Protein backbone atom coordinates (compact mmCIF):
# COMPACT_ATOMS: atom_id res chain seq x y z
CA MET A 1 -0.08 0.01 -0.03
CA SER A 2 1.35 3.42 -1.02
CA LYS A 3 1.77 6.24 1.38
CA LYS A 4 -0.73 9.14 1.36
CA ILE A 5 0.10 12.73 1.30
CA LYS A 6 -2.32 15.71 2.26
CA LEU A 7 -1.52 18.70 -0.11
CA ILE A 8 -2.75 21.95 1.47
CA TRP A 9 -3.84 25.42 0.00
CA ASP A 10 -4.10 28.17 2.64
CA PHE A 11 -6.70 30.98 2.54
CA PHE A 12 -6.96 33.93 4.90
CA GLY A 13 -9.35 36.64 5.77
CA GLU A 14 -13.07 36.92 6.33
CA ASP A 15 -13.79 35.29 2.85
CA GLY A 16 -11.16 32.51 3.41
CA LEU A 17 -13.65 29.78 4.12
CA LYS A 18 -15.74 30.51 1.13
CA THR A 19 -12.63 30.75 -1.08
CA ALA A 20 -11.33 27.35 0.28
CA GLU A 21 -14.73 25.72 -0.41
CA HIS A 22 -14.65 27.06 -3.95
CA HIS A 23 -11.10 25.84 -4.44
CA ALA A 24 -12.02 22.35 -3.23
CA ILE A 25 -14.56 22.17 -6.15
CA HIS A 26 -11.66 22.87 -8.50
CA LEU A 27 -9.51 20.28 -6.90
CA LYS A 28 -12.25 17.63 -7.40
CA GLU A 29 -12.68 18.67 -11.03
CA PHE A 30 -8.86 18.50 -11.53
CA ALA A 31 -8.73 14.97 -10.13
CA ALA A 32 -11.52 13.79 -12.37
CA LYS A 33 -10.07 15.42 -15.43
CA GLU A 34 -6.51 14.09 -14.83
CA GLN A 35 -7.77 10.60 -13.57
CA ILE A 36 -6.06 11.02 -10.23
CA SER A 37 -7.50 9.02 -7.47
CA ALA A 38 -8.00 11.51 -4.58
CA PHE A 39 -8.71 9.74 -1.25
CA GLU A 40 -10.26 12.99 0.09
CA VAL A 41 -10.82 16.59 -0.98
CA GLY A 42 -12.13 18.89 1.73
CA VAL A 43 -11.93 22.12 3.76
CA GLU A 44 -10.95 22.86 7.33
CA LYS A 45 -11.14 26.04 9.27
CA SER A 46 -7.83 26.16 11.22
CA SER A 47 -8.32 29.62 13.06
CA PRO A 48 -10.83 32.42 12.98
CA ASP A 49 -8.81 34.16 10.15
CA GLN A 50 -7.36 31.11 8.30
CA SER A 51 -9.00 28.26 6.29
CA LEU A 52 -7.66 25.60 4.04
CA ALA A 53 -8.50 23.42 1.20
CA PHE A 54 -6.81 19.98 0.94
CA MET A 55 -6.55 16.96 -1.30
CA ILE A 56 -5.23 13.57 -0.07
CA VAL A 57 -3.38 11.64 -2.87
CA ALA A 58 -1.19 8.67 -3.13
CA GLU A 59 2.49 9.26 -3.01
CA GLU A 60 2.83 8.40 -6.81
CA ASN A 61 0.44 11.20 -7.73
CA MET A 62 1.96 13.89 -5.45
CA ILE A 63 4.49 15.26 -8.02
CA ALA A 64 1.82 15.65 -10.83
CA VAL A 65 -0.65 17.53 -8.52
CA ARG A 66 2.18 19.60 -6.93
CA ASP A 67 3.57 20.71 -10.25
CA ALA A 68 0.11 21.42 -11.72
CA LEU A 69 -1.58 23.15 -8.74
CA ARG A 70 1.32 24.32 -6.52
CA PRO A 71 -0.05 23.73 -3.04
CA LYS A 72 1.44 25.76 -0.12
CA ARG A 73 2.48 22.73 1.80
CA GLY A 74 2.00 19.01 2.27
CA GLN A 75 2.22 16.44 5.05
CA TRP A 76 2.12 12.58 5.32
CA VAL A 77 -1.13 11.10 6.31
CA GLU A 78 -0.99 8.59 9.10
CA GLU A 79 -2.79 5.26 8.36
CA LYS A 80 -5.31 4.59 11.14
């Protein structure tokens, strides 16, 4: 089983959550168009002034997504 990576895009300000939600729609569209298997695409509110959109992908898909969409950061996802 391959490792999973959570790619993250940060959004700030009072409209940050709405922007992150909209970005997540485009992440899903990208995954479908490029036939990339995303384990999860979602949004989190990390503080009152910061939200994020994320996509969890297999390690082998990380470079393609990173190069095309340029996330701000990434982190390994621990298997439960």
